Amino acid sequence: MKYGIKIESSIVWLDQDQLEALVSLLHSARQTKDEYVGSSKGDDGGNYVKLVRPFDMEETLPVKVMLPDRYDALVLKTKLHDESKK
């Protein structure tokens, strides 16, 4: 099984061990979050303040799942595509 996570605008595919290592690493990480504080009460007169909070994996790290056959087919397709360009 392959597990996809979005980093910037790319989906990165990990195996189970890699995903578990990433989750373990992020478990104690922190992230910046914009929190609503009210009309014109935020940073620079806006409605939000930027704060540092614990990383929320359930909200911030959605995971896609791909079956091995589909992943292997895409790897083969990529290889054939690259070879056809040579």
C-alpha atoms as a PDB file:
ATOM      1  CA  MET A   1       0.000   0.000   0.000  1.00  0.00           C
ATOM      2  CA  LYS A   2       1.184   3.538  -0.741  1.00  0.00           C
ATOM      3  CA  TYR A   3       0.105   6.572   1.237  1.00  0.00           C
ATOM      4  CA  GLY A   4       0.038  10.004  -0.341  1.00  0.00           C
ATOM      5  CA  ILE A   5       0.486  13.251   1.526  1.00  0.00           C
ATOM      6  CA  LYS A   6       0.450  16.698  -0.031  1.00  0.00           C
ATOM      7  CA  ILE A   7       3.591  18.784   0.399  1.00  0.00           C
ATOM      8  CA  GLU A   8       3.147  22.208  -1.178  1.00  0.00           C
ATOM      9  CA  SER A   9       1.223  21.257  -4.326  1.00  0.00           C
ATOM     10  CA  SER A  10       2.749  17.786  -4.887  1.00  0.00           C
ATOM     11  CA  ILE A  11       1.529  14.448  -3.579  1.00  0.00           C
ATOM     12  CA  VAL A  12       4.418  12.449  -2.118  1.00  0.00           C
ATOM     13  CA  TRP A  13       3.903   8.666  -1.948  1.00  0.00           C
ATOM     14  CA  LEU A  14       5.227   6.830   1.110  1.00  0.00           C
ATOM     15  CA  ASP A  15       5.195   3.219   2.225  1.00  0.00           C
ATOM     16  CA  GLN A  16       3.825   2.340   5.666  1.00  0.00           C
ATOM     17  CA  ASP A  17       7.186   2.573   7.454  1.00  0.00           C
ATOM     18  CA  GLN A  18       7.891   5.992   5.951  1.00  0.00           C
ATOM     19  CA  LEU A  19       4.428   7.267   6.881  1.00  0.00           C
ATOM     20  CA  GLU A  20       4.792   5.996  10.452  1.00  0.00           C
ATOM     21  CA  ALA A  21       8.186   7.706  10.739  1.00  0.00           C
ATOM     22  CA  LEU A  22       6.726  10.971   9.446  1.00  0.00           C
ATOM     23  CA  VAL A  23       3.775  10.781  11.844  1.00  0.00           C
ATOM     24  CA  SER A  24       6.140  10.071  14.725  1.00  0.00           C
ATOM     25  CA  LEU A  25       8.267  13.065  13.753  1.00  0.00           C
ATOM     26  CA  LEU A  26       5.292  15.409  13.393  1.00  0.00           C
ATOM     27  CA  HIS A  27       3.646  14.226  16.626  1.00  0.00           C
ATOM     28  CA  SER A  28       5.550  16.794  18.699  1.00  0.00           C
ATOM     29  CA  ALA A  29       5.893  19.441  15.966  1.00  0.00           C
ATOM     30  CA  ARG A  30       4.336  22.884  16.114  1.00  0.00           C
ATOM     31  CA  GLN A  31       2.769  24.971  13.379  1.00  0.00           C
ATOM     32  CA  THR A  32       1.661  28.541  12.841  1.00  0.00           C
ATOM     33  CA  LYS A  33      -2.089  29.049  12.693  1.00  0.00           C
ATOM     34  CA  ASP A  34      -4.206  32.072  11.951  1.00  0.00           C
ATOM     35  CA  GLU A  35      -6.957  32.421  14.558  1.00  0.00           C
ATOM     36  CA  TYR A  36      -9.952  34.688  14.300  1.00  0.00           C
ATOM     37  CA  VAL A  37     -10.061  37.313  17.077  1.00  0.00           C
ATOM     38  CA  GLY A  38     -12.715  39.691  15.809  1.00  0.00           C
ATOM     39  CA  SER A  39     -13.210  42.522  13.431  1.00  0.00           C
ATOM     40  CA  SER A  40     -10.084  44.696  13.215  1.00  0.00           C
ATOM     41  CA  LYS A  41      -8.598  43.162  16.398  1.00  0.00           C
ATOM     42  CA  GLY A  42      -5.927  41.076  14.738  1.00  0.00           C
ATOM     43  CA  ASP A  43      -2.434  41.565  13.411  1.00  0.00           C
ATOM     44  CA  ASP A  44      -2.060  44.755  11.389  1.00  0.00           C
ATOM     45  CA  GLY A  45      -5.704  45.689  11.985  1.00  0.00           C
ATOM     46  CA  GLY A  46      -7.045  42.510  10.372  1.00  0.00           C
ATOM     47  CA  ASN A  47      -9.375  39.919  11.841  1.00  0.00           C
ATOM     48  CA  TYR A  48      -6.757  37.232  12.616  1.00  0.00           C
ATOM     49  CA  VAL A  49      -3.633  36.759  14.721  1.00  0.00           C
ATOM     50  CA  LYS A  50      -0.819  34.357  13.825  1.00  0.00           C
ATOM     51  CA  LEU A  51      -0.050  31.957  16.699  1.00  0.00           C
ATOM     52  CA  VAL A  52       2.136  28.883  17.240  1.00  0.00           C
ATOM     53  CA  ARG A  53       0.114  25.774  18.121  1.00  0.00           C
ATOM     54  CA  PRO A  54       0.761  22.011  18.267  1.00  0.00           C
ATOM     55  CA  PHE A  55       0.644  20.410  14.813  1.00  0.00           C
ATOM     56  CA  ASP A  56      -2.872  19.097  14.169  1.00  0.00           C
ATOM     57  CA  MET A  57      -2.345  15.942  12.097  1.00  0.00           C
ATOM     58  CA  GLU A  58      -6.038  15.179  11.698  1.00  0.00           C
ATOM     59  CA  GLU A  59      -6.679  18.576  10.135  1.00  0.00           C
ATOM     60  CA  THR A  60      -3.384  19.304   8.412  1.00  0.00           C
ATOM     61  CA  LEU A  61      -2.126  15.904   7.218  1.00  0.00           C
ATOM     62  CA  PRO A  62      -4.816  14.241   5.113  1.00  0.00           C
ATOM     63  CA  VAL A  63      -3.612  10.927   3.690  1.00  0.00           C
ATOM     64  CA  LYS A  64      -4.573   9.373   0.353  1.00  0.00           C
ATOM     65  CA  VAL A  65      -4.287   5.629  -0.224  1.00  0.00           C
ATOM     66  CA  MET A  66      -3.158   3.863  -3.419  1.00  0.00           C
ATOM     67  CA  LEU A  67      -3.175   0.118  -3.971  1.00  0.00           C
ATOM     68  CA  PRO A  68       0.188  -1.439  -4.925  1.00  0.00           C
ATOM     69  CA  ASP A  69      -0.994  -2.511  -8.397  1.00  0.00           C
ATOM     70  CA  ARG A  70      -2.031   1.035  -9.279  1.00  0.00           C
ATOM     71  CA  TYR A  71       1.233   2.485  -7.932  1.00  0.00           C
ATOM     72  CA  ASP A  72       3.321  -0.079  -9.848  1.00  0.00           C
ATOM     73  CA  ALA A  73       1.360   0.690 -13.035  1.00  0.00           C
ATOM     74  CA  LEU A  74       2.092   4.405 -12.645  1.00  0.00           C
ATOM     75  CA  VAL A  75       5.793   3.690 -12.059  1.00  0.00           C
ATOM     76  CA  LEU A  76       5.878   1.599 -15.259  1.00  0.00           C
ATOM     77  CA  LYS A  77       3.971   4.271 -17.179  1.00  0.00           C
ATOM     78  CA  THR A  78       6.483   6.887 -16.002  1.00  0.00           C
ATOM     79  CA  LYS A  79       9.425   4.703 -17.048  1.00  0.00           C
ATOM     80  CA  LEU A  80       7.957   4.084 -20.516  1.00  0.00           C
ATOM     81  CA  HIS A  81       7.160   7.756 -20.946  1.00  0.00           C
ATOM     82  CA  ASP A  82      10.706   8.776 -19.985  1.00  0.00           C
ATOM     83  CA  GLU A  83      12.232   6.157 -22.326  1.00  0.00           C
ATOM     84  CA  SER A  84      10.083   7.337 -25.234  1.00  0.00           C
ATOM     85  CA  LYS A  85      11.542  10.821 -24.904  1.00  0.00           C
ATOM     86  CA  LYS A  86      15.146   9.621 -25.373  1.00  0.00           C
END
